[in-house]
Amino acid sequence: MEKSRRSFWTWGYVADEPSEVQRQAAAKAAYERTGIAVEPPPIPAIADIKLRKPRLAVPSFLSQFVTSEKVDRITHTYGGHSLELLRAIRGTFDEPPDAVAYPETESQLEQVLEWCVSNDFTTIPYGGGTSVVWGLNVPQDATRAVSIDLERMNQILEVDEVSRAANFQAGILGPSLEAQLKARGLTLRHYPQSFPWSTVGGWVATRSGGHYATNHTHIDDFVESIRMLSPAGWYESRRLPGSGAGPSPDRMVIGSEGTLGIISSVWLRLQKRPVFRASAGVLFDDWMRGTEAVRAIVQTKLYPANLRILDPVEARNAAGVRGNQALLIIGFESADLPQRLQIEQAVAVARVHGGVVHDDDVVVDDGTGQATGRGGSVGAWRNAFIGVNAGVQLGLGVLSDTFETAITWDRWPTFDATIRHEVGKALQEALGDAAALSCRFTHVYPDGPAPYYSFSGPVALGQEQEAWQHIKDIANQTVVAAGGTITHHHAVGRMHKEAWEQQRPELFGAMLRSLKQSLDPRNNLNPGVLIDSC
């Protein structure tokens, strides 16, 4: 029971929660940084959490899969942003849903959505709960709200091994998907950082970014067809490898963030499991020269699976690199072809731009199963990157968060300098001189990088929201004013909506509102996310 119950204060399930030993170690690390001793806050018992009474009654014909039990409402109140989890660990649940639905079939999904719409309930599609942009919260002005959790719709419905595609129900989690494909020698190869706890439907609804740093960067690249239930009826695109027939029906749904309908199932393109691999870690004394090497490599169109550069702060903290050097991580993989030539070509380009890597640190697996990307600084980074533990630092007097964007190569150097200056100033104002700002590339394209900025610093207990808001406001303003996108793969939600309105064409906003009016005329689905009400 406890292993399968969702956690209310970290990503995933009770079994994924940080141990007390981990929390104490995090508190010690925070003390070493800030000089302020803070004990990890106690985890409240669900029985002790105060929750308002449900404002609706579940009808008997839905009671098999719709509940107003306290634990279900608590575990569906928040997403995965650190400030939400901080409120959770402090026992604050002001806006819980009034009921949670767990449909197992499309028929049950139809029943519960009809019930919600006919009664004018705020209706929130729920995948894995890892949204970090306030994408699944009950709005304060909602009079009654229902969260629809797709976790029981978690099967692979069909596999087409000839075309290399499969039809997945929206609630299937990443590990379950990969485990079922492995027996067939297939893989999706889409690994967002929330992979262990996020779902196919969530990936599509939020345009998630995944494993590949080049080429197949987003879930968009894998989608073949989508089936979605809206208040106006079923919406299903034809399954095709490609089409030039007008605007893409799939593109209207990908990134819609639960505002147009509830994704029921998705056909996704697959590939054979990789056999050949190669990796290398390249050091640069100069951050900008390192990013120039990245541009040169990506523009050769070698398409490495991994091409991520960490600035000196990231390289030191996440990969154990000594000194003031940036670290470029290069990785190739293939199911069919050895990757020795590709890694040698990429390393040669990096060396032309001042990169340093010993031949012994270029690791190649020619199909024998030799581990790549596991040793040295590359392995250290991999271990730090995989397996986010979202609750371990809660309430310890350290504020940490990230924001990510994308910009064209011609504007990149000025953009980076502007971000570091403006956000750095905001960090000092909010967190003091001990605050730190760092950057890495998560994805790169021939025409530009996707820089991912992280910041942290000491903060007074109880002042986390105010300090974060100041920093986030400056970051949003600076990113948009400097020509970047407000989000590369974290979605829009409510957090980025205002800035996104500045980024998108004004008429596009009108088009979205018209689409919303057609599919969800009463604005029941995720109101306030992505777009304003009609």
Protein backbone atom coordinates (compact mmCIF):
# COMPACT_ATOMS: atom_id res chain seq x y z
CA MET A 1 0.00 0.00 0.00
CA GLU A 2 2.66 2.50 1.06
CA LYS A 3 4.90 1.62 -1.87
CA SER A 4 2.14 2.38 -4.35
CA ARG A 5 0.78 5.55 -2.75
CA ARG A 6 1.91 8.83 -4.20
CA SER A 7 4.08 10.99 -2.02
CA PHE A 8 2.62 14.38 -1.13
CA TRP A 9 5.99 16.09 -0.63
CA THR A 10 8.33 14.80 -3.31
CA TRP A 11 8.20 13.41 -6.85
CA GLY A 12 6.87 9.91 -7.24
CA TYR A 13 5.77 7.54 -4.52
CA VAL A 14 6.32 6.92 -0.82
CA ALA A 15 9.13 4.53 -1.74
CA ASP A 16 10.89 7.41 -3.53
CA GLU A 17 10.89 9.75 -0.54
CA PRO A 18 14.28 10.85 0.81
CA SER A 19 15.36 8.99 3.91
CA GLU A 20 16.06 10.79 7.16
CA VAL A 21 19.76 10.05 6.62
CA GLN A 22 19.63 11.80 3.25
CA ARG A 23 17.78 14.77 4.71
CA GLN A 24 20.30 15.11 7.54
CA ALA A 25 23.17 14.96 5.03
CA ALA A 26 21.49 17.70 3.02
CA ALA A 27 21.09 19.79 6.17
CA LYS A 28 24.80 19.39 6.92
CA ALA A 29 25.70 20.48 3.39
CA ALA A 30 23.41 23.50 3.73
CA TYR A 31 25.07 24.44 7.02
CA GLU A 32 28.52 24.21 5.46
CA ARG A 33 27.40 26.61 2.75
CA THR A 34 25.35 29.11 4.79
CA GLY A 35 26.74 28.78 8.31
CA ILE A 36 23.17 28.49 9.57
CA ALA A 37 22.13 25.26 11.25
CA VAL A 38 18.63 24.17 10.26
CA GLU A 39 17.07 20.85 11.16
CA PRO A 40 15.03 19.19 8.39
CA PRO A 41 11.37 20.01 9.05
CA PRO A 42 9.27 17.09 10.29
CA ILE A 43 7.06 15.34 7.74
CA PRO A 44 3.43 15.85 8.77
CA ALA A 45 1.22 12.80 9.13
CA ILE A 46 -1.68 12.80 6.71
CA ALA A 47 -4.06 12.41 9.63
CA ASP A 48 -2.77 15.71 11.08
CA ILE A 49 -3.10 17.76 7.88
CA LYS A 50 -6.11 20.07 7.91
CA LEU A 51 -8.16 19.94 4.73
CA ARG A 52 -11.39 21.66 3.84
CA LYS A 53 -14.38 19.40 3.30
CA PRO A 54 -15.27 18.37 -0.27
CA ARG A 55 -17.64 20.82 -1.91
CA LEU A 56 -19.31 18.15 -4.03
CA ALA A 57 -20.78 14.69 -3.63
CA VAL A 58 -19.60 11.80 -5.79
CA PRO A 59 -22.62 10.09 -7.38
CA SER A 60 -22.99 6.37 -6.83
CA PHE A 61 -22.53 5.48 -10.49
CA LEU A 62 -19.00 6.97 -10.36
CA SER A 63 -18.00 5.81 -6.88
CA GLN A 64 -16.11 2.80 -8.26
CA PHE A 65 -13.33 5.06 -9.57
CA VAL A 66 -13.98 8.56 -8.16
CA THR A 67 -13.14 9.35 -4.55
CA SER A 68 -13.10 12.26 -2.10
CA GLU A 69 -10.81 10.50 0.35
CA LYS A 70 -8.42 12.81 2.16
CA VAL A 71 -5.21 11.09 1.06
CA ASP A 72 -6.16 11.25 -2.62
CA ARG A 73 -7.05 14.93 -2.43
CA ILE A 74 -3.81 15.74 -0.61
CA THR A 75 -1.62 13.86 -3.09
CA HIS A 76 -3.24 15.69 -6.03
CA THR A 77 -3.00 19.22 -4.65
CA TYR A 78 0.47 20.12 -5.85
CA GLY A 79 2.86 19.56 -8.71
CA GLY A 80 6.60 19.16 -8.39
CA HIS A 81 7.97 22.70 -7.99
CA SER A 82 10.09 23.15 -4.87
CA LEU A 83 7.87 25.91 -3.45
CA GLU A 84 4.80 23.68 -3.79
CA LEU A 85 6.59 20.81 -2.08
CA LEU A 86 7.74 23.20 0.65
CA ARG A 87 4.12 24.16 1.34
CA ALA A 88 3.24 20.47 1.40
CA ILE A 89 5.93 19.56 3.90
CA ARG A 90 4.71 22.44 6.08
CA GLY A 91 1.21 20.98 5.96
CA THR A 92 -0.41 23.77 3.94
CA PHE A 93 -3.10 22.52 1.54
CA ASP A 94 -5.39 25.50 0.93
CA GLU A 95 -6.68 24.50 -2.53
CA PRO A 96 -7.09 20.72 -2.76
CA PRO A 97 -9.32 19.15 -5.41
CA ASP A 98 -12.71 18.11 -4.12
CA ALA A 99 -12.48 14.69 -5.73
CA VAL A 100 -10.01 12.54 -7.65
CA ALA A 101 -11.02 10.24 -10.51
CA TYR A 102 -9.06 7.16 -11.59
CA PRO A 103 -10.69 5.98 -14.84
CA GLU A 104 -9.55 2.60 -16.12
CA THR A 105 -11.27 2.73 -19.52
CA GLU A 106 -12.22 5.30 -22.11
CA SER A 107 -15.86 4.70 -21.16
CA GLN A 108 -15.12 5.69 -17.57
CA LEU A 109 -13.15 8.69 -18.80
CA GLU A 110 -16.19 9.79 -20.81
CA GLN A 111 -18.45 9.37 -17.77
CA VAL A 112 -16.34 11.42 -15.43
CA LEU A 113 -15.67 14.21 -17.92
CA GLU A 114 -19.38 14.47 -18.73
CA TRP A 115 -20.14 14.67 -15.00
CA CYS A 116 -17.56 17.43 -14.54
CA VAL A 117 -18.66 19.51 -17.52
CA SER A 118 -22.41 19.17 -16.89
CA ASN A 119 -21.87 20.38 -13.32
CA ASP A 120 -19.38 23.07 -14.34
CA PHE A 121 -16.54 21.64 -12.24
CA THR A 122 -12.97 22.77 -12.77
CA THR A 123 -11.34 19.70 -14.30
CA ILE A 124 -7.62 19.02 -14.05
CA PRO A 125 -5.94 16.25 -16.10
CA TYR A 126 -3.20 14.61 -14.00
CA GLY A 127 -0.28 12.53 -15.25
CA GLY A 128 2.72 11.96 -12.98
CA GLY A 129 2.43 15.13 -10.93
CA THR A 130 5.93 16.42 -11.76
CA SER A 131 4.88 19.76 -13.28
CA VAL A 132 7.21 22.54 -12.13
CA VAL A 133 5.23 25.42 -13.69
CA TRP A 134 1.98 25.24 -11.67
CA GLY A 135 0.31 23.23 -14.39
CA LEU A 136 -2.07 21.09 -12.33
CA ASN A 137 -3.17 23.17 -9.36
CA VAL A 138 -6.73 24.07 -8.44
CA PRO A 139 -7.27 27.81 -9.11
CA GLN A 140 -8.21 29.89 -6.07
CA ASP A 141 -11.45 31.02 -7.70
CA ALA A 142 -12.64 27.49 -8.51
CA THR A 143 -15.87 26.66 -6.68
CA ARG A 144 -15.51 22.87 -7.15
CA ALA A 145 -12.67 20.90 -8.73
CA VAL A 146 -11.94 17.35 -9.84
CA SER A 147 -8.51 15.92 -10.66
CA ILE A 148 -8.59 13.17 -13.30
CA ASP A 149 -5.62 10.86 -12.79
CA LEU A 150 -4.82 8.53 -15.73
CA GLU A 151 -2.55 6.17 -13.75
CA ARG A 152 -4.86 3.16 -14.28
CA MET A 153 -4.85 3.64 -18.06
CA ASN A 154 -1.29 2.34 -18.29
CA GLN A 155 -1.08 -0.34 -20.98
CA ILE A 156 0.63 -0.77 -24.32
CA LEU A 157 -2.35 -1.31 -26.60
CA GLU A 158 -0.54 -2.37 -29.76
CA VAL A 159 2.98 -2.69 -31.15
CA ASP A 160 3.77 -2.37 -34.85
CA GLU A 161 7.24 -3.91 -35.13
CA VAL A 162 7.34 -3.39 -38.90
CA SER A 163 6.85 0.37 -38.70
CA ARG A 164 8.53 0.53 -35.28
CA ALA A 165 5.73 2.26 -33.43
CA ALA A 166 3.42 1.46 -30.53
CA ASN A 167 0.15 2.70 -29.10
CA PHE A 168 0.44 3.64 -25.42
CA GLN A 169 -2.28 4.58 -23.00
CA ALA A 170 -1.62 8.02 -21.57
CA GLY A 171 -1.05 6.94 -17.97
CA ILE A 172 1.86 4.59 -18.56
CA LEU A 173 5.02 5.61 -16.67
CA GLY A 174 8.42 5.77 -18.34
CA PRO A 175 10.00 2.72 -16.63
CA SER A 176 6.96 0.52 -17.34
CA LEU A 177 6.98 1.58 -20.98
CA GLU A 178 10.64 0.72 -21.42
CA ALA A 179 10.37 -2.56 -19.51
CA GLN A 180 7.59 -3.78 -21.79
CA LEU A 181 9.42 -2.76 -24.95
CA LYS A 182 12.71 -4.34 -23.90
CA ALA A 183 11.47 -7.88 -24.50
CA ARG A 184 10.91 -6.95 -28.15
CA GLY A 185 14.35 -5.37 -28.54
CA LEU A 186 12.74 -1.93 -28.89
CA THR A 187 12.93 1.35 -27.02
CA LEU A 188 11.39 4.81 -27.13
CA ARG A 189 14.61 6.47 -25.93
CA HIS A 190 12.85 9.52 -24.49
CA TYR A 191 14.18 10.28 -21.01
CA PRO A 192 13.04 13.53 -19.40
CA GLN A 193 14.67 14.06 -16.00
CA SER A 194 11.31 13.14 -14.43
CA PHE A 195 11.31 9.84 -16.38
CA PRO A 196 10.72 7.46 -13.40
CA TRP A 197 7.54 9.29 -12.35
CA SER A 198 6.10 10.93 -15.49
CA THR A 199 3.66 9.59 -18.08
CA VAL A 200 3.26 9.44 -21.85
CA GLY A 201 0.21 11.71 -21.67
CA GLY A 202 2.12 14.22 -19.57
CA TRP A 203 5.07 14.17 -21.97
CA VAL A 204 2.82 14.96 -24.93
CA ALA A 205 0.68 17.54 -23.12
CA THR A 206 3.75 19.48 -21.97
CA ARG A 207 6.06 18.99 -25.00
CA SER A 208 8.66 17.39 -22.76
CA GLY A 209 12.33 17.40 -23.62
CA GLY A 210 14.11 14.10 -23.35
CA HIS A 211 17.28 12.05 -23.66
CA TYR A 212 18.69 13.32 -26.93
CA ALA A 213 20.66 16.57 -26.86
CA THR A 214 20.42 16.81 -30.66
CA ASN A 215 18.02 15.55 -33.32
CA HIS A 216 15.20 13.84 -31.33
CA THR A 217 15.07 16.44 -28.55
CA HIS A 218 11.34 16.65 -27.78
CA ILE A 219 8.41 14.26 -27.58
CA ASP A 220 7.14 15.98 -30.76
CA ASP A 221 9.71 14.01 -32.73
CA PHE A 222 8.17 10.70 -31.62
CA VAL A 223 4.43 11.38 -31.91
CA GLU A 224 2.67 9.57 -34.75
CA SER A 225 -0.97 9.97 -33.67
CA ILE A 226 -2.96 11.22 -30.66
CA ARG A 227 -6.37 10.30 -29.27
CA MET A 228 -7.91 12.88 -26.90
CA LEU A 229 -11.29 13.37 -25.24
CA SER A 230 -12.54 16.95 -25.09
CA PRO A 231 -15.88 18.30 -23.77
CA ALA A 232 -16.88 18.59 -27.44
CA GLY A 233 -16.11 14.92 -28.15
CA TRP A 234 -13.30 12.64 -29.28
CA TYR A 235 -10.35 14.02 -31.25
CA GLU A 236 -8.09 11.51 -32.99
CA SER A 237 -5.48 12.15 -35.65
CA ARG A 238 -4.74 9.72 -38.45
CA ARG A 239 -1.66 7.60 -37.86
CA LEU A 240 0.89 8.62 -40.50
CA PRO A 241 4.70 8.93 -40.80
CA GLY A 242 4.19 12.48 -42.05
CA SER A 243 1.74 14.67 -43.88
CA GLY A 244 1.62 17.96 -45.72
CA ALA A 245 -2.15 18.30 -45.39
CA GLY A 246 -2.67 21.64 -43.68
CA PRO A 247 -1.81 22.45 -40.05
CA SER A 248 -0.97 19.29 -38.12
CA PRO A 249 -3.77 17.94 -35.87
CA ASP A 250 -1.08 16.52 -33.58
CA ARG A 251 0.63 19.87 -33.20
CA MET A 252 -2.61 21.37 -31.95
CA VAL A 253 -2.54 18.92 -29.02
CA ILE A 254 1.18 18.62 -28.27
CA GLY A 255 1.88 21.27 -25.66
CA SER A 256 -1.79 22.02 -24.95
CA GLU A 257 -1.20 21.27 -21.25
CA GLY A 258 -4.61 19.77 -20.53
CA THR A 259 -6.54 22.86 -21.64
CA LEU A 260 -8.18 21.34 -24.74
CA GLY A 261 -8.86 17.77 -23.67
CA ILE A 262 -7.58 14.71 -21.85
CA ILE A 263 -5.13 12.61 -23.84
CA SER A 264 -6.21 8.98 -23.78
CA SER A 265 -3.60 7.24 -25.92
CA VAL A 266 -0.68 8.05 -28.22
CA TRP A 267 1.11 6.25 -31.04
CA LEU A 268 4.86 6.87 -30.66
CA ARG A 269 7.74 6.03 -32.99
CA LEU A 270 10.22 3.50 -31.60
CA GLN A 271 13.73 2.35 -32.40
CA LYS A 272 15.94 -0.66 -31.84
CA ARG A 273 17.83 -0.73 -28.58
CA PRO A 274 21.34 0.71 -28.93
CA VAL A 275 24.28 -1.67 -29.03
CA PHE A 276 27.18 0.58 -30.05
CA ARG A 277 28.16 3.52 -27.87
CA ALA A 278 30.97 6.02 -27.41
CA SER A 279 31.58 8.87 -24.97
CA ALA A 280 34.15 11.49 -24.04
CA GLY A 281 34.57 14.37 -21.62
CA VAL A 282 36.41 17.43 -23.00
CA LEU A 283 37.72 20.28 -20.82
CA PHE A 284 37.90 23.94 -21.84
CA ASP A 285 39.70 26.75 -20.06
CA ASP A 286 37.29 29.23 -21.61
CA TRP A 287 33.49 28.87 -21.37
CA MET A 288 32.72 30.70 -24.61
CA ARG A 289 35.32 28.74 -26.58
CA GLY A 290 33.67 25.61 -25.29
CA THR A 291 30.27 26.75 -26.52
CA GLU A 292 31.83 27.54 -29.91
CA ALA A 293 33.04 23.94 -30.02
CA VAL A 294 29.48 22.80 -29.35
CA ARG A 295 28.21 24.93 -32.23
CA ALA A 296 30.84 23.54 -34.56
CA ILE A 297 30.01 19.93 -33.64
CA VAL A 298 26.24 20.30 -33.92
CA GLN A 299 26.55 22.05 -37.27
CA THR A 300 28.44 19.08 -38.70
CA LYS A 301 25.15 17.16 -38.20
CA LEU A 302 26.84 14.18 -36.63
CA TYR A 303 23.85 14.16 -34.27
CA PRO A 304 25.39 12.91 -31.03
CA ALA A 305 22.87 11.65 -28.48
CA ASN A 306 24.62 13.71 -25.83
CA LEU A 307 26.27 17.08 -26.43
CA ARG A 308 26.07 19.04 -23.21
CA ILE A 309 28.50 21.60 -21.92
CA LEU A 310 28.69 22.61 -18.26
CA ASP A 311 30.13 25.96 -17.25
CA PRO A 312 32.90 25.91 -14.60
CA VAL A 313 30.45 26.21 -11.69
CA GLU A 314 28.29 23.33 -13.00
CA ALA A 315 31.37 21.29 -13.87
CA ARG A 316 32.74 21.66 -10.36
CA ASN A 317 29.47 21.05 -8.49
CA ALA A 318 27.95 18.30 -10.65
CA ALA A 319 31.00 16.58 -12.17
CA GLY A 320 33.82 17.18 -9.70
CA VAL A 321 35.99 19.07 -12.18
CA ARG A 322 38.78 20.89 -10.40
CA GLY A 323 39.87 24.36 -11.30
CA ASN A 324 37.96 26.80 -13.46
CA GLN A 325 37.20 24.65 -16.48
CA ALA A 326 34.07 23.96 -18.48
CA LEU A 327 33.20 20.35 -19.28
CA LEU A 328 31.79 19.18 -22.61
CA ILE A 329 30.15 15.75 -22.53
CA ILE A 330 29.85 13.97 -25.88
CA GLY A 331 28.00 10.71 -26.41
CA PHE A 332 26.98 8.63 -29.42
CA GLU A 333 24.82 5.52 -29.69
CA SER A 334 23.41 3.29 -32.42
CA ALA A 335 21.61 -0.02 -32.75
CA ASP A 336 23.32 -0.86 -36.04
CA LEU A 337 26.58 0.99 -36.61
CA PRO A 338 29.83 1.32 -34.60
CA GLN A 339 30.35 4.84 -33.26
CA ARG A 340 34.14 5.07 -33.13
CA LEU A 341 34.41 7.27 -36.21
CA GLN A 342 31.71 9.65 -34.97
CA ILE A 343 33.28 10.18 -31.54
CA GLU A 344 36.71 10.67 -33.07
CA GLN A 345 35.34 13.30 -35.46
CA ALA A 346 33.51 15.17 -32.71
CA VAL A 347 36.56 15.10 -30.42
CA ALA A 348 38.73 16.39 -33.26
CA VAL A 349 36.40 19.36 -33.73
CA ALA A 350 36.46 20.06 -29.98
CA ARG A 351 40.26 20.00 -29.95
CA VAL A 352 40.40 22.53 -32.78
CA HIS A 353 38.50 24.88 -30.48
CA GLY A 354 40.86 24.40 -27.55
CA GLY A 355 39.32 21.37 -25.91
CA VAL A 356 41.55 19.00 -23.98
CA VAL A 357 40.85 15.28 -23.72
CA HIS A 358 43.23 12.37 -23.35
CA ASP A 359 42.85 9.52 -25.81
CA ASP A 360 42.30 7.13 -22.90
CA ASP A 361 39.24 9.18 -21.87
CA VAL A 362 37.51 8.55 -25.19
CA VAL A 363 35.58 5.36 -24.42
CA VAL A 364 34.11 3.25 -27.23
CA ASP A 365 31.84 0.22 -27.00
CA ASP A 366 31.97 -1.68 -30.29
CA GLY A 367 29.09 -3.91 -29.23
CA THR A 368 30.82 -5.88 -26.47
CA GLY A 369 28.88 -4.21 -23.66
CA GLN A 370 31.75 -2.09 -22.35
CA ALA A 371 30.41 0.67 -20.10
CA THR A 372 30.63 4.18 -21.55
CA GLY A 373 29.93 7.45 -19.79
CA ARG A 374 30.37 5.87 -16.34
CA GLY A 375 33.84 6.92 -15.25
CA GLY A 376 35.58 10.18 -14.39
CA SER A 377 33.85 13.54 -14.60
CA VAL A 378 31.35 12.26 -17.19
CA GLY A 379 30.24 9.47 -14.86
CA ALA A 380 30.04 11.87 -11.91
CA TRP A 381 27.78 14.18 -13.89
CA ARG A 382 25.58 11.28 -14.99
CA ASN A 383 25.10 10.13 -11.41
CA ALA A 384 24.20 13.66 -10.29
CA PHE A 385 21.79 14.19 -13.19
CA ILE A 386 19.78 10.98 -13.05
CA GLY A 387 17.30 10.45 -10.22
CA VAL A 388 16.11 13.86 -9.04
CA ASN A 389 15.30 13.84 -5.33
CA ALA A 390 12.92 16.75 -5.18
CA GLY A 391 12.33 16.79 -1.42
CA VAL A 392 15.76 16.40 0.12
CA GLN A 393 16.56 20.12 0.55
CA LEU A 394 13.12 21.39 1.58
CA GLY A 395 13.07 23.87 4.45
CA LEU A 396 16.81 24.00 4.99
CA GLY A 397 17.36 27.71 4.39
CA VAL A 398 18.65 27.29 0.83
CA LEU A 399 16.66 28.45 -2.18
CA SER A 400 17.44 26.56 -5.41
CA ASP A 401 15.71 26.57 -8.77
CA THR A 402 16.31 26.59 -12.51
CA PHE A 403 15.06 28.23 -15.70
CA GLU A 404 15.78 27.25 -19.26
CA THR A 405 15.45 28.82 -22.68
CA ALA A 406 16.76 28.70 -26.26
CA ILE A 407 18.46 31.36 -28.38
CA THR A 408 20.09 31.51 -31.80
CA TRP A 409 23.88 31.18 -31.99
CA ASP A 410 24.42 34.73 -33.27
CA ARG A 411 22.79 36.17 -30.13
CA TRP A 412 24.13 33.62 -27.67
CA PRO A 413 27.23 35.41 -26.25
CA THR A 414 25.34 38.65 -25.60
CA PHE A 415 22.35 36.74 -24.28
CA ASP A 416 24.47 34.82 -21.74
CA ALA A 417 26.20 37.99 -20.57
CA THR A 418 22.85 39.73 -20.13
CA ILE A 419 21.33 36.85 -18.17
CA ARG A 420 24.33 36.60 -15.87
CA HIS A 421 24.31 40.35 -15.22
CA GLU A 422 20.58 40.89 -14.67
CA VAL A 423 19.74 37.66 -12.88
CA GLY A 424 23.01 37.83 -10.95
CA LYS A 425 21.98 41.25 -9.66
CA ALA A 426 18.54 39.94 -8.67
CA LEU A 427 20.19 37.02 -6.86
CA GLN A 428 22.34 39.36 -4.82
CA GLU A 429 19.31 41.48 -3.93
CA ALA A 430 17.25 38.46 -2.85
CA LEU A 431 19.85 36.03 -1.48
CA GLY A 432 23.01 38.02 -0.84
CA ASP A 433 26.63 37.61 -1.93
CA ALA A 434 26.65 33.86 -1.38
CA ALA A 435 24.16 33.28 -4.19
CA ALA A 436 25.41 31.38 -7.24
CA LEU A 437 24.31 31.22 -10.87
CA SER A 438 25.47 28.55 -13.31
CA CYS A 439 24.66 27.32 -16.81
CA ARG A 440 24.73 24.19 -18.92
CA PHE A 441 23.37 23.29 -22.34
CA THR A 442 20.72 20.59 -22.16
CA HIS A 443 19.99 20.51 -25.90
CA VAL A 444 21.65 22.03 -28.95
CA TYR A 445 20.54 22.67 -32.51
CA PRO A 446 22.36 23.73 -35.66
CA ASP A 447 20.87 27.21 -35.23
CA GLY A 448 21.20 27.64 -31.48
CA PRO A 449 21.59 26.21 -27.96
CA ALA A 450 19.11 25.58 -25.14
CA PRO A 451 20.91 27.00 -22.08
CA TYR A 452 19.68 25.83 -18.68
CA TYR A 453 20.46 28.15 -15.76
CA SER A 454 20.53 27.07 -12.11
CA PHE A 455 20.64 29.38 -9.11
CA SER A 456 20.84 28.92 -5.37
CA GLY A 457 21.63 30.79 -2.20
CA PRO A 458 20.79 31.12 1.49
CA VAL A 459 17.31 32.35 2.34
CA ALA A 460 15.53 33.09 5.60
CA LEU A 461 12.93 30.50 6.54
CA GLY A 462 9.50 31.79 5.58
CA GLN A 463 10.92 34.16 2.96
CA GLU A 464 11.37 31.57 0.20
CA GLN A 465 8.35 32.59 -1.90
CA GLU A 466 9.14 36.31 -1.83
CA ALA A 467 12.81 35.81 -2.72
CA TRP A 468 12.01 33.31 -5.47
CA GLN A 469 9.36 35.56 -7.01
CA HIS A 470 11.79 38.47 -7.27
CA ILE A 471 14.40 36.33 -8.99
CA LYS A 472 11.88 34.61 -11.26
CA ASP A 473 10.30 37.89 -12.36
CA ILE A 474 13.68 39.29 -13.38
CA ALA A 475 14.64 36.05 -15.13
CA ASN A 476 11.39 35.97 -17.12
CA GLN A 477 11.67 39.61 -18.12
CA THR A 478 15.31 39.30 -19.11
CA VAL A 479 14.88 36.11 -21.15
CA VAL A 480 12.01 37.50 -23.20
CA ALA A 481 13.55 40.96 -23.66
CA ALA A 482 16.81 39.39 -24.84
CA GLY A 483 15.00 37.37 -27.51
CA GLY A 484 14.88 33.90 -25.93
CA THR A 485 11.96 31.57 -25.38
CA ILE A 486 10.35 31.63 -21.95
CA THR A 487 10.60 27.84 -21.78
CA HIS A 488 12.41 25.19 -23.78
CA HIS A 489 10.98 22.06 -22.13
CA HIS A 490 9.42 22.91 -18.76
CA ALA A 491 6.08 23.98 -20.30
CA VAL A 492 4.11 27.18 -19.72
CA GLY A 493 1.55 26.44 -17.00
CA ARG A 494 0.48 29.42 -14.96
CA MET A 495 4.06 30.30 -14.05
CA HIS A 496 5.15 31.34 -17.55
CA LYS A 497 1.82 32.39 -19.05
CA GLU A 498 2.34 36.15 -18.76
CA ALA A 499 5.80 36.02 -20.31
CA TRP A 500 4.63 33.61 -23.02
CA GLU A 501 1.95 36.11 -24.01
CA GLN A 502 4.78 38.53 -24.80
CA GLN A 503 6.62 35.89 -26.84
CA ARG A 504 3.82 34.54 -29.03
CA PRO A 505 2.13 36.50 -31.85
CA GLU A 506 -0.94 38.35 -30.60
CA LEU A 507 -3.14 36.76 -33.24
CA PHE A 508 -1.93 33.32 -32.21
CA GLY A 509 -3.35 33.97 -28.77
CA ALA A 510 -6.69 34.77 -30.39
CA MET A 511 -6.48 31.54 -32.39
CA LEU A 512 -5.85 29.53 -29.22
CA ARG A 513 -8.79 31.12 -27.46
CA SER A 514 -11.02 30.28 -30.42
CA LEU A 515 -9.81 26.67 -30.33
CA LYS A 516 -10.45 26.56 -26.59
CA GLN A 517 -13.96 27.90 -27.18
CA SER A 518 -14.63 25.17 -29.74
CA LEU A 519 -13.44 22.25 -27.62
CA ASP A 520 -14.08 23.48 -24.06
CA PRO A 521 -16.67 26.28 -24.27
CA ARG A 522 -17.30 26.44 -20.50
CA ASN A 523 -13.58 26.63 -19.71
CA ASN A 524 -13.66 23.60 -17.44
CA LEU A 525 -10.28 22.13 -18.39
CA ASN A 526 -7.27 23.55 -16.53
CA PRO A 527 -8.46 27.18 -16.51
CA GLY A 528 -5.63 29.70 -16.22
CA VAL A 529 -3.03 27.35 -17.66
CA LEU A 530 -1.43 28.39 -20.98
CA ILE A 531 -4.19 30.85 -21.94
CA ASP A 532 -6.78 33.03 -20.26
CA SER A 533 -10.42 32.01 -20.32
CA CYS A 534 -12.42 32.60 -23.49
